[in-house]
PDB file of all heavy atoms in Angstrom:
ATOM      1  N   ALA A   1     -13.778 -16.898 -36.818  1.00  0.00           N
ATOM      2  CA  ALA A   1     -13.142 -16.176 -35.711  1.00  0.00           C
ATOM      3  C   ALA A   1     -11.835 -16.815 -35.258  1.00  0.00           C
ATOM      4  O   ALA A   1     -11.122 -16.240 -34.432  1.00  0.00           O
ATOM      5  CB  ALA A   1     -14.115 -16.114 -34.527  1.00  0.00           C
ATOM      6  N   ILE A   2     -11.506 -17.985 -35.793  1.00  0.00           N
ATOM      7  CA  ILE A   2     -10.302 -18.689 -35.335  1.00  0.00           C
ATOM      8  C   ILE A   2      -9.053 -17.835 -35.529  1.00  0.00           C
ATOM      9  O   ILE A   2      -8.153 -17.818 -34.682  1.00  0.00           O
ATOM     10  CB  ILE A   2     -10.171 -20.041 -36.069  1.00  0.00           C
ATOM     11  CG1 ILE A   2     -11.276 -20.994 -35.613  1.00  0.00           C
ATOM     12  CG2 ILE A   2      -8.798 -20.666 -35.812  1.00  0.00           C
ATOM     13  CD1 ILE A   2     -11.253 -22.340 -36.306  1.00  0.00           C
ATOM     14  N   SER A   3      -9.002 -17.102 -36.625  1.00  0.00           N
ATOM     15  CA  SER A   3      -7.813 -16.287 -36.913  1.00  0.00           C
ATOM     16  C   SER A   3      -7.607 -15.184 -35.879  1.00  0.00           C
ATOM     17  O   SER A   3      -6.501 -14.632 -35.774  1.00  0.00           O
ATOM     18  CB  SER A   3      -7.919 -15.684 -38.307  1.00  0.00           C
ATOM     19  OG  SER A   3      -9.061 -14.841 -38.398  1.00  0.00           O
ATOM     20  N   GLN A   4      -8.645 -14.849 -35.113  1.00  0.00           N
ATOM     21  CA  GLN A   4      -8.522 -13.790 -34.111  1.00  0.00           C
ATOM     22  C   GLN A   4      -7.928 -14.300 -32.796  1.00  0.00           C
ATOM     23  O   GLN A   4      -7.586 -13.501 -31.922  1.00  0.00           O
ATOM     24  CB  GLN A   4      -9.905 -13.185 -33.833  1.00  0.00           C
ATOM     25  CG  GLN A   4     -10.611 -12.632 -35.067  1.00  0.00           C
ATOM     26  CD  GLN A   4     -12.047 -12.226 -34.764  1.00  0.00           C
ATOM     27  OE1 GLN A   4     -12.410 -11.975 -33.617  1.00  0.00           O
ATOM     28  NE2 GLN A   4     -12.873 -12.168 -35.796  1.00  0.00           N
ATOM     29  N   LEU A   5      -7.822 -15.614 -32.646  1.00  0.00           N
ATOM     30  CA  LEU A   5      -7.324 -16.199 -31.404  1.00  0.00           C
ATOM     31  C   LEU A   5      -5.824 -16.450 -31.490  1.00  0.00           C
ATOM     32  O   LEU A   5      -5.285 -16.731 -32.572  1.00  0.00           O
ATOM     33  CB  LEU A   5      -8.064 -17.501 -31.110  1.00  0.00           C
ATOM     34  CG  LEU A   5      -9.589 -17.385 -30.988  1.00  0.00           C
ATOM     35  CD1 LEU A   5     -10.211 -18.759 -30.758  1.00  0.00           C
ATOM     36  CD2 LEU A   5      -9.974 -16.437 -29.865  1.00  0.00           C
ATOM     37  N   ASN A   6      -5.174 -16.402 -30.351  1.00  0.00           N
ATOM     38  CA  ASN A   6      -3.727 -16.582 -30.278  1.00  0.00           C
ATOM     39  C   ASN A   6      -3.411 -18.029 -29.890  1.00  0.00           C
ATOM     40  O   ASN A   6      -3.727 -18.451 -28.771  1.00  0.00           O
ATOM     41  CB  ASN A   6      -3.134 -15.629 -29.253  1.00  0.00           C
ATOM     42  CG  ASN A   6      -1.618 -15.607 -29.295  1.00  0.00           C
ATOM     43  OD1 ASN A   6      -0.978 -16.555 -29.730  1.00  0.00           O
ATOM     44  ND2 ASN A   6      -1.036 -14.502 -28.834  1.00  0.00           N
ATOM     45  N   PRO A   7      -2.781 -18.809 -30.788  1.00  0.00           N
ATOM     46  CA  PRO A   7      -2.482 -20.216 -30.471  1.00  0.00           C
ATOM     47  C   PRO A   7      -1.536 -20.380 -29.290  1.00  0.00           C
ATOM     48  O   PRO A   7      -1.462 -21.467 -28.706  1.00  0.00           O
ATOM     49  CB  PRO A   7      -1.838 -20.736 -31.764  1.00  0.00           C
ATOM     50  CG  PRO A   7      -2.247 -19.779 -32.831  1.00  0.00           C
ATOM     51  CD  PRO A   7      -2.373 -18.447 -32.150  1.00  0.00           C
ATOM     52  N   ALA A   8      -0.824 -19.334 -28.923  1.00  0.00           N
ATOM     53  CA  ALA A   8       0.112 -19.435 -27.801  1.00  0.00           C
ATOM     54  C   ALA A   8      -0.590 -19.312 -26.450  1.00  0.00           C
ATOM     55  O   ALA A   8      -0.006 -19.644 -25.413  1.00  0.00           O
ATOM     56  CB  ALA A   8       1.196 -18.357 -27.927  1.00  0.00           C
ATOM     57  N   HIS A   9      -1.835 -18.827 -26.454  1.00  0.00           N
ATOM     58  CA  HIS A   9      -2.575 -18.643 -25.206  1.00  0.00           C
ATOM     59  C   HIS A   9      -3.224 -19.953 -24.754  1.00  0.00           C
ATOM     60  O   HIS A   9      -3.539 -20.826 -25.557  1.00  0.00           O
ATOM     61  CB  HIS A   9      -3.670 -17.595 -25.389  1.00  0.00           C
ATOM     62  CG  HIS A   9      -3.144 -16.207 -25.488  1.00  0.00           C
ATOM     63  ND1 HIS A   9      -3.971 -15.097 -25.475  1.00  0.00           N
ATOM     64  CD2 HIS A   9      -1.884 -15.718 -25.593  1.00  0.00           C
ATOM     65  CE1 HIS A   9      -3.256 -14.001 -25.579  1.00  0.00           C
ATOM     66  NE2 HIS A   9      -1.977 -14.355 -25.664  1.00  0.00           N
ATOM     67  N   ASP A  10      -3.433 -20.062 -23.448  1.00  0.00           N
ATOM     68  CA  ASP A  10      -4.288 -21.116 -22.915  1.00  0.00           C
ATOM     69  C   ASP A  10      -5.742 -20.712 -23.157  1.00  0.00           C
ATOM     70  O   ASP A  10      -6.137 -19.581 -22.835  1.00  0.00           O
ATOM     71  CB  ASP A  10      -4.057 -21.298 -21.416  1.00  0.00           C
ATOM     72  CG  ASP A  10      -2.732 -21.962 -21.108  1.00  0.00           C
ATOM     73  OD1 ASP A  10      -2.065 -22.426 -22.059  1.00  0.00           O
ATOM     74  OD2 ASP A  10      -2.343 -22.011 -19.928  1.00  0.00           O
ATOM     75  N   ILE A  11      -6.532 -21.636 -23.713  1.00  0.00           N
ATOM     76  CA  ILE A  11      -7.917 -21.324 -24.086  1.00  0.00           C
ATOM     77  C   ILE A  11      -8.851 -22.345 -23.446  1.00  0.00           C
ATOM     78  O   ILE A  11      -8.638 -23.554 -23.550  1.00  0.00           O
ATOM     79  CB  ILE A  11      -8.108 -21.338 -25.620  1.00  0.00           C
ATOM     80  CG1 ILE A  11      -7.230 -20.260 -26.268  1.00  0.00           C
ATOM     81  CG2 ILE A  11      -9.580 -21.139 -25.980  1.00  0.00           C
ATOM     82  CD1 ILE A  11      -7.270 -20.296 -27.780  1.00  0.00           C
ATOM     83  N   VAL A  12      -9.899 -21.864 -22.783  1.00  0.00           N
ATOM     84  CA  VAL A  12     -10.968 -22.712 -22.262  1.00  0.00           C
ATOM     85  C   VAL A  12     -12.247 -22.355 -23.003  1.00  0.00           C
ATOM     86  O   VAL A  12     -12.622 -21.176 -23.067  1.00  0.00           O
ATOM     87  CB  VAL A  12     -11.162 -22.540 -20.741  1.00  0.00           C
ATOM     88  CG1 VAL A  12     -12.342 -23.386 -20.257  1.00  0.00           C
ATOM     89  CG2 VAL A  12      -9.894 -22.938 -19.999  1.00  0.00           C
ATOM     90  N   VAL A  13     -12.906 -23.351 -23.563  1.00  0.00           N
ATOM     91  CA  VAL A  13     -14.138 -23.151 -24.328  1.00  0.00           C
ATOM     92  C   VAL A  13     -15.304 -23.638 -23.480  1.00  0.00           C
ATOM     93  O   VAL A  13     -15.241 -24.709 -22.872  1.00  0.00           O
ATOM     94  CB  VAL A  13     -14.102 -23.915 -25.663  1.00  0.00           C
ATOM     95  CG1 VAL A  13     -15.279 -23.507 -26.537  1.00  0.00           C
ATOM     96  CG2 VAL A  13     -12.790 -23.678 -26.389  1.00  0.00           C
ATOM     97  N   GLN A  14     -16.377 -22.851 -23.424  1.00  0.00           N
ATOM     98  CA  GLN A  14     -17.538 -23.236 -22.623  1.00  0.00           C
ATOM     99  C   GLN A  14     -18.840 -22.950 -23.341  1.00  0.00           C
ATOM    100  O   GLN A  14     -18.910 -22.060 -24.190  1.00  0.00           O
ATOM    101  CB  GLN A  14     -17.527 -22.545 -21.259  1.00  0.00           C
ATOM    102  CG  GLN A  14     -17.539 -21.052 -21.303  1.00  0.00           C
ATOM    103  CD  GLN A  14     -18.860 -20.375 -20.961  1.00  0.00           C
ATOM    104  OE1 GLN A  14     -18.860 -19.191 -20.693  1.00  0.00           O
ATOM    105  NE2 GLN A  14     -19.961 -21.086 -20.954  1.00  0.00           N
ATOM    106  N   CYS A  15     -19.861 -23.777 -22.986  1.00  0.00           N
ATOM    107  CA  CYS A  15     -21.219 -23.561 -23.496  1.00  0.00           C
ATOM    108  C   CYS A  15     -22.186 -23.840 -22.350  1.00  0.00           C
ATOM    109  O   CYS A  15     -21.826 -23.663 -21.186  1.00  0.00           O
ATOM    110  CB  CYS A  15     -21.501 -24.446 -24.714  1.00  0.00           C
ATOM    111  SG  CYS A  15     -21.493 -26.210 -24.367  1.00  0.00           S
ATOM    112  N   ARG A  16     -23.385 -24.272 -22.652  1.00  0.00           N
ATOM    113  CA  ARG A  16     -24.363 -24.518 -21.590  1.00  0.00           C
ATOM    114  C   ARG A  16     -24.038 -25.785 -20.807  1.00  0.00           C
ATOM    115  O   ARG A  16     -24.026 -25.778 -19.583  1.00  0.00           O
ATOM    116  CB  ARG A  16     -25.770 -24.625 -22.183  1.00  0.00           C
ATOM    117  CG  ARG A  16     -26.860 -24.908 -21.153  1.00  0.00           C
ATOM    118  CD  ARG A  16     -28.221 -25.007 -21.827  1.00  0.00           C
ATOM    119  NE  ARG A  16     -29.268 -25.266 -20.855  1.00  0.00           N
ATOM    120  CZ  ARG A  16     -29.649 -26.487 -20.458  1.00  0.00           C
ATOM    121  NH1 ARG A  16     -29.042 -27.554 -20.951  1.00  0.00           N
ATOM    122  NH2 ARG A  16     -30.622 -26.635 -19.590  1.00  0.00           N
ATOM    123  N   SER A  17     -23.772 -26.884 -21.520  1.00  0.00           N
ATOM    124  CA  SER A  17     -23.576 -28.171 -20.845  1.00  0.00           C
ATOM    125  C   SER A  17     -22.274 -28.871 -21.198  1.00  0.00           C
ATOM    126  O   SER A  17     -21.983 -29.928 -20.652  1.00  0.00           O
ATOM    127  CB  SER A  17     -24.745 -29.118 -21.169  1.00  0.00           C
ATOM    128  OG  SER A  17     -24.758 -29.420 -22.550  1.00  0.00           O
ATOM    129  N   GLY A  18     -21.496 -28.308 -22.115  1.00  0.00           N
ATOM    130  CA  GLY A  18     -20.222 -28.900 -22.484  1.00  0.00           C
ATOM    131  C   GLY A  18     -20.223 -29.646 -23.791  1.00  0.00           C
ATOM    132  O   GLY A  18     -19.179 -30.149 -24.214  1.00  0.00           O
ATOM    133  N   VAL A  19     -21.368 -29.735 -24.485  1.00  0.00           N
ATOM    134  CA  VAL A  19     -21.447 -30.476 -25.740  1.00  0.00           C
ATOM    135  C   VAL A  19     -20.926 -29.634 -26.902  1.00  0.00           C
ATOM    136  O   VAL A  19     -20.028 -30.052 -27.638  1.00  0.00           O
ATOM    137  CB  VAL A  19     -22.894 -30.939 -26.016  1.00  0.00           C
ATOM    138  CG1 VAL A  19     -22.986 -31.620 -27.385  1.00  0.00           C
ATOM    139  CG2 VAL A  19     -23.350 -31.902 -24.924  1.00  0.00           C
ATOM    140  N   ARG A  20     -21.495 -28.444 -27.091  1.00  0.00           N
ATOM    141  CA  ARG A  20     -21.040 -27.590 -28.183  1.00  0.00           C
ATOM    142  C   ARG A  20     -19.586 -27.177 -28.015  1.00  0.00           C
ATOM    143  O   ARG A  20     -18.808 -27.143 -28.981  1.00  0.00           O
ATOM    144  CB  ARG A  20     -21.934 -26.345 -28.265  1.00  0.00           C
ATOM    145  CG  ARG A  20     -23.314 -26.582 -28.830  1.00  0.00           C
ATOM    146  CD  ARG A  20     -24.202 -25.363 -28.700  1.00  0.00           C
ATOM    147  NE  ARG A  20     -24.646 -25.148 -27.324  1.00  0.00           N
ATOM    148  CZ  ARG A  20     -25.394 -24.123 -26.931  1.00  0.00           C
ATOM    149  NH1 ARG A  20     -25.753 -23.188 -27.809  1.00  0.00           N
ATOM    150  NH2 ARG A  20     -25.791 -24.014 -25.678  1.00  0.00           N
ATOM    151  N   SER A  21     -19.210 -26.858 -26.780  1.00  0.00           N
ATOM    152  CA  SER A  21     -17.839 -26.404 -26.540  1.00  0.00           C
ATOM    153  C   SER A  21     -16.828 -27.512 -26.811  1.00  0.00           C
ATOM    154  O   SER A  21     -15.695 -27.233 -27.240  1.00  0.00           O
ATOM    155  CB  SER A  21     -17.698 -25.881 -25.110  1.00  0.00           C
ATOM    156  OG  SER A  21     -18.160 -26.827 -24.168  1.00  0.00           O
ATOM    157  N   ALA A  22     -17.202 -28.771 -26.572  1.00  0.00           N
ATOM    158  CA  ALA A  22     -16.291 -29.877 -26.882  1.00  0.00           C
ATOM    159  C   ALA A  22     -16.018 -29.940 -28.376  1.00  0.00           C
ATOM    160  O   ALA A  22     -14.870 -30.180 -28.801  1.00  0.00           O
ATOM    161  CB  ALA A  22     -16.881 -31.198 -26.393  1.00  0.00           C
ATOM    162  N   SER A  23     -17.049 -29.702 -29.195  1.00  0.00           N
ATOM    163  CA  SER A  23     -16.858 -29.696 -30.647  1.00  0.00           C
ATOM    164  C   SER A  23     -15.949 -28.549 -31.079  1.00  0.00           C
ATOM    165  O   SER A  23     -15.082 -28.712 -31.944  1.00  0.00           O
ATOM    166  CB  SER A  23     -18.207 -29.590 -31.358  1.00  0.00           C
ATOM    167  OG  SER A  23     -19.024 -30.700 -31.066  1.00  0.00           O
ATOM    168  N   VAL A  24     -16.142 -27.378 -30.470  1.00  0.00           N
ATOM    169  CA  VAL A  24     -15.308 -26.227 -30.826  1.00  0.00           C
ATOM    170  C   VAL A  24     -13.863 -26.453 -30.374  1.00  0.00           C
ATOM    171  O   VAL A  24     -12.911 -26.102 -31.083  1.00  0.00           O
ATOM    172  CB  VAL A  24     -15.878 -24.939 -30.205  1.00  0.00           C
ATOM    173  CG1 VAL A  24     -14.911 -23.777 -30.377  1.00  0.00           C
ATOM    174  CG2 VAL A  24     -17.230 -24.610 -30.843  1.00  0.00           C
TER     175      VAL A  24
END
């Protein structure tokens, strides 16, 4: 799905506790 995201945008990644989202 990375190709669907815009590198120029500000992006915040979230999960349940912050562990998985930190890896992403």
